[in-house]
Amino acid sequence: MKNTYLTSYFPLISIILFSTSLSISTVIIVIDYLKMFGMYSGMLEFFSENGIKAAIFSLFALLYFMVFSALKLIANTITELSLLFFSKDVAGENLTKIRSGSTIYLIGGLVSFLSIQYQLGIVALFLLATVSYFIFIVYKFNSSLTSLSLIGLVLLHVLFWFSFMLGTLYLFFRLYNSLIASLPV
């Protein structure tokens, strides 16, 4: 008996795994910076070492969890919007075809714990899982879409994510430049 909802919790577990591995990696980096700036010894007067690590971990785990959850929500919306525009499927069979693809992110989240010392390695694993999932989606939709519809679906995804990332980087650099310009140097 194959239950279609068997993998429905995989996205949540994947988000928790990636958030946890990135949070542990960030705790290591933040502790090193606090020691380098001489703030860590002052913090030890008020908190225990484990208390500081737990507080930093909780903060970054929540932050990463929110970011990954928002990215999942956006990705699901773009996928369903692209199916609305380019698919003739009205029953939602295409969505059930790609449900098992969440296993890709689950495996990526598990492997990310091997790269805790390298934060860029975790990001690279997430990007690799994302590209693999996208290829999986295109492969699964290939049989139910015309070639022109498939090209439109791929272009919609690529153009959206390119503009989203470019816009986010642009806002980050604008904020950074305004912050640097406001410093009294």
Protein backbone atom coordinates (compact mmCIF):
# COMPACT_ATOMS: atom_id res chain seq x y z
CA MET A 1 0.00 0.00 0.00
CA LYS A 2 1.52 3.28 -1.12
CA ASN A 3 0.23 6.31 0.75
CA THR A 4 0.56 9.59 -1.13
CA TYR A 5 1.04 11.46 2.15
CA LEU A 6 3.97 9.34 3.31
CA THR A 7 6.50 12.00 2.36
CA SER A 8 4.41 15.01 3.39
CA TYR A 9 6.57 15.72 6.44
CA PHE A 10 9.89 15.57 4.54
CA PRO A 11 9.97 19.31 3.73
CA LEU A 12 9.61 20.23 7.41
CA ILE A 13 12.34 17.79 8.43
CA SER A 14 14.57 19.09 5.62
CA ILE A 15 14.09 22.68 6.77
CA ILE A 16 14.92 21.67 10.34
CA LEU A 17 18.04 19.76 9.22
CA PHE A 18 19.40 22.57 7.05
CA SER A 19 18.56 25.17 9.73
CA THR A 20 20.27 23.13 12.43
CA SER A 21 23.44 22.49 10.46
CA LEU A 22 23.72 26.14 9.41
CA SER A 23 23.03 27.28 12.98
CA ILE A 24 25.75 25.06 14.41
CA SER A 25 28.15 26.36 11.78
CA THR A 26 27.18 29.95 12.54
CA VAL A 27 27.65 29.42 16.30
CA ILE A 28 31.23 28.32 15.66
CA ILE A 29 31.89 31.43 13.53
CA VAL A 30 30.19 33.86 15.94
CA ILE A 31 32.05 32.45 18.96
CA ASP A 32 35.35 32.90 17.10
CA TYR A 33 34.46 36.52 16.28
CA LEU A 34 33.39 37.21 19.87
CA LYS A 35 36.71 35.84 21.11
CA MET A 36 38.62 37.86 18.50
CA PHE A 37 36.88 41.11 19.55
CA GLY A 38 37.40 40.30 23.25
CA MET A 39 33.71 40.23 24.06
CA TYR A 40 33.45 36.53 24.86
CA SER A 41 35.29 36.71 28.19
CA GLY A 42 32.99 39.53 29.32
CA MET A 43 29.94 37.50 28.35
CA LEU A 44 31.22 34.57 30.40
CA GLU A 45 30.83 36.69 33.54
CA PHE A 46 27.05 36.72 33.05
CA PHE A 47 26.34 33.45 31.21
CA SER A 48 27.85 30.01 31.10
CA GLU A 49 29.65 28.88 27.97
CA ASN A 50 26.85 26.47 27.11
CA GLY A 51 24.27 29.19 27.78
CA ILE A 52 25.94 31.53 25.30
CA LYS A 53 26.15 28.80 22.67
CA ALA A 54 22.52 27.78 23.23
CA ALA A 55 21.30 31.38 22.96
CA ILE A 56 23.24 32.01 19.74
CA PHE A 57 22.11 28.67 18.33
CA SER A 58 18.45 29.38 19.14
CA LEU A 59 18.62 32.80 17.53
CA PHE A 60 20.18 31.58 14.30
CA ALA A 61 18.07 28.39 14.17
CA LEU A 62 14.94 30.53 14.26
CA LEU A 63 16.35 32.91 11.64
CA TYR A 64 17.37 30.13 9.24
CA PHE A 65 14.09 28.28 9.82
CA MET A 66 12.16 31.40 8.82
CA VAL A 67 14.30 31.96 5.71
CA PHE A 68 14.00 28.35 4.52
CA SER A 69 10.27 28.29 5.24
CA ALA A 70 9.78 31.47 3.25
CA LEU A 71 11.82 30.06 0.36
CA LYS A 72 9.71 26.89 0.39
CA LEU A 73 6.51 28.92 0.34
CA ILE A 74 7.76 31.01 -2.57
CA ALA A 75 8.97 27.92 -4.46
CA ASN A 76 5.62 26.14 -4.02
CA THR A 77 3.77 29.23 -5.19
CA ILE A 78 5.96 29.58 -8.28
CA THR A 79 5.60 25.88 -9.10
CA GLU A 80 1.82 25.98 -8.82
CA LEU A 81 1.66 29.26 -10.73
CA SER A 82 3.76 27.80 -13.53
CA LEU A 83 1.44 24.77 -13.64
CA LEU A 84 -1.54 27.12 -13.81
CA PHE A 85 -0.03 28.90 -16.81
CA PHE A 86 1.46 25.99 -18.71
CA SER A 87 -0.30 22.76 -17.72
CA LYS A 88 -3.63 21.41 -18.92
CA ASP A 89 -3.91 19.29 -15.76
CA VAL A 90 -6.91 20.46 -13.73
CA ALA A 91 -7.00 17.56 -11.26
CA GLY A 92 -3.58 18.26 -9.73
CA GLU A 93 -1.94 15.02 -10.83
CA ASN A 94 1.30 16.87 -11.62
CA LEU A 95 1.61 17.95 -8.00
CA THR A 96 1.32 14.37 -6.77
CA LYS A 97 4.03 13.35 -9.25
CA ILE A 98 6.59 15.65 -7.64
CA ARG A 99 5.73 14.97 -4.00
CA SER A 100 8.44 12.30 -3.68
CA GLY A 101 11.05 14.84 -4.79
CA SER A 102 11.19 16.19 -1.26
CA THR A 103 13.45 13.21 -0.54
CA ILE A 104 16.20 15.09 -2.39
CA TYR A 105 16.11 17.89 0.19
CA LEU A 106 15.92 15.38 3.04
CA ILE A 107 19.10 13.66 1.84
CA GLY A 108 20.74 17.06 1.35
CA GLY A 109 19.80 18.07 4.89
CA LEU A 110 21.27 14.88 6.31
CA VAL A 111 24.49 15.28 4.33
CA SER A 112 24.76 18.92 5.44
CA PHE A 113 25.78 17.74 8.91
CA LEU A 114 29.02 16.47 7.39
CA SER A 115 29.87 20.05 6.40
CA ILE A 116 29.26 21.81 9.70
CA GLN A 117 32.80 23.21 9.73
CA TYR A 118 32.26 24.74 6.27
CA GLN A 119 29.27 27.03 6.00
CA LEU A 120 29.79 27.45 2.25
CA GLY A 121 29.66 23.66 1.95
CA ILE A 122 26.20 23.64 3.51
CA VAL A 123 25.06 26.39 1.15
CA ALA A 124 26.55 24.46 -1.78
CA LEU A 125 24.67 21.31 -0.69
CA PHE A 126 21.43 23.30 -0.49
CA LEU A 127 21.99 24.72 -3.97
CA LEU A 128 22.85 21.25 -5.31
CA ALA A 129 19.65 19.85 -3.77
CA THR A 130 17.68 22.73 -5.30
CA VAL A 131 19.10 22.17 -8.79
CA SER A 132 18.53 18.41 -8.45
CA TYR A 133 14.93 19.01 -7.35
CA PHE A 134 14.37 21.35 -10.29
CA ILE A 135 15.70 18.74 -12.72
CA PHE A 136 13.44 16.17 -11.02
CA ILE A 137 10.42 18.46 -11.50
CA VAL A 138 11.20 19.04 -15.16
CA TYR A 139 11.65 15.31 -15.69
CA LYS A 140 8.33 14.49 -14.01
CA PHE A 141 6.44 17.21 -15.90
CA ASN A 142 8.03 16.26 -19.23
CA SER A 143 5.41 13.63 -20.07
CA SER A 144 2.39 15.80 -19.31
CA LEU A 145 3.45 19.07 -20.92
CA THR A 146 4.10 20.06 -24.51
CA SER A 147 7.63 21.10 -25.34
CA LEU A 148 6.61 24.74 -25.61
CA SER A 149 4.85 24.58 -22.22
CA LEU A 150 7.90 22.91 -20.69
CA ILE A 151 10.16 25.67 -22.00
CA GLY A 152 7.77 28.25 -20.57
CA LEU A 153 7.75 26.50 -17.19
CA VAL A 154 11.55 26.36 -17.07
CA LEU A 155 11.89 29.99 -18.16
CA LEU A 156 9.37 31.17 -15.57
CA HIS A 157 11.30 29.44 -12.79
CA VAL A 158 14.73 30.55 -13.98
CA LEU A 159 13.70 34.15 -14.59
CA PHE A 160 11.86 34.43 -11.28
CA TRP A 161 14.69 33.04 -9.18
CA PHE A 162 17.31 35.04 -11.09
CA SER A 163 15.41 38.29 -10.56
CA PHE A 164 14.64 37.38 -6.94
CA MET A 165 18.30 36.73 -6.13
CA LEU A 166 19.50 39.74 -8.09
CA GLY A 167 16.97 41.98 -6.33
CA THR A 168 17.95 40.61 -2.93
CA LEU A 169 21.65 41.16 -3.63
CA TYR A 170 20.93 44.66 -4.89
CA LEU A 171 19.02 45.53 -1.70
CA PHE A 172 21.79 44.03 0.43
CA PHE A 173 24.49 46.07 -1.30
CA ARG A 174 22.39 49.25 -1.13
CA LEU A 175 21.89 48.72 2.59
CA TYR A 176 25.58 47.95 3.08
CA ASN A 177 26.67 51.03 1.14
CA SER A 178 24.29 53.29 3.05
CA LEU A 179 25.55 51.84 6.33
CA ILE A 180 29.18 52.39 5.36
CA ALA A 181 28.42 55.92 4.12
CA SER A 182 26.74 56.81 7.42
CA LEU A 183 29.75 55.84 9.54
CA PRO A 184 31.61 58.86 10.91
CA VAL A 185 35.03 58.18 9.41
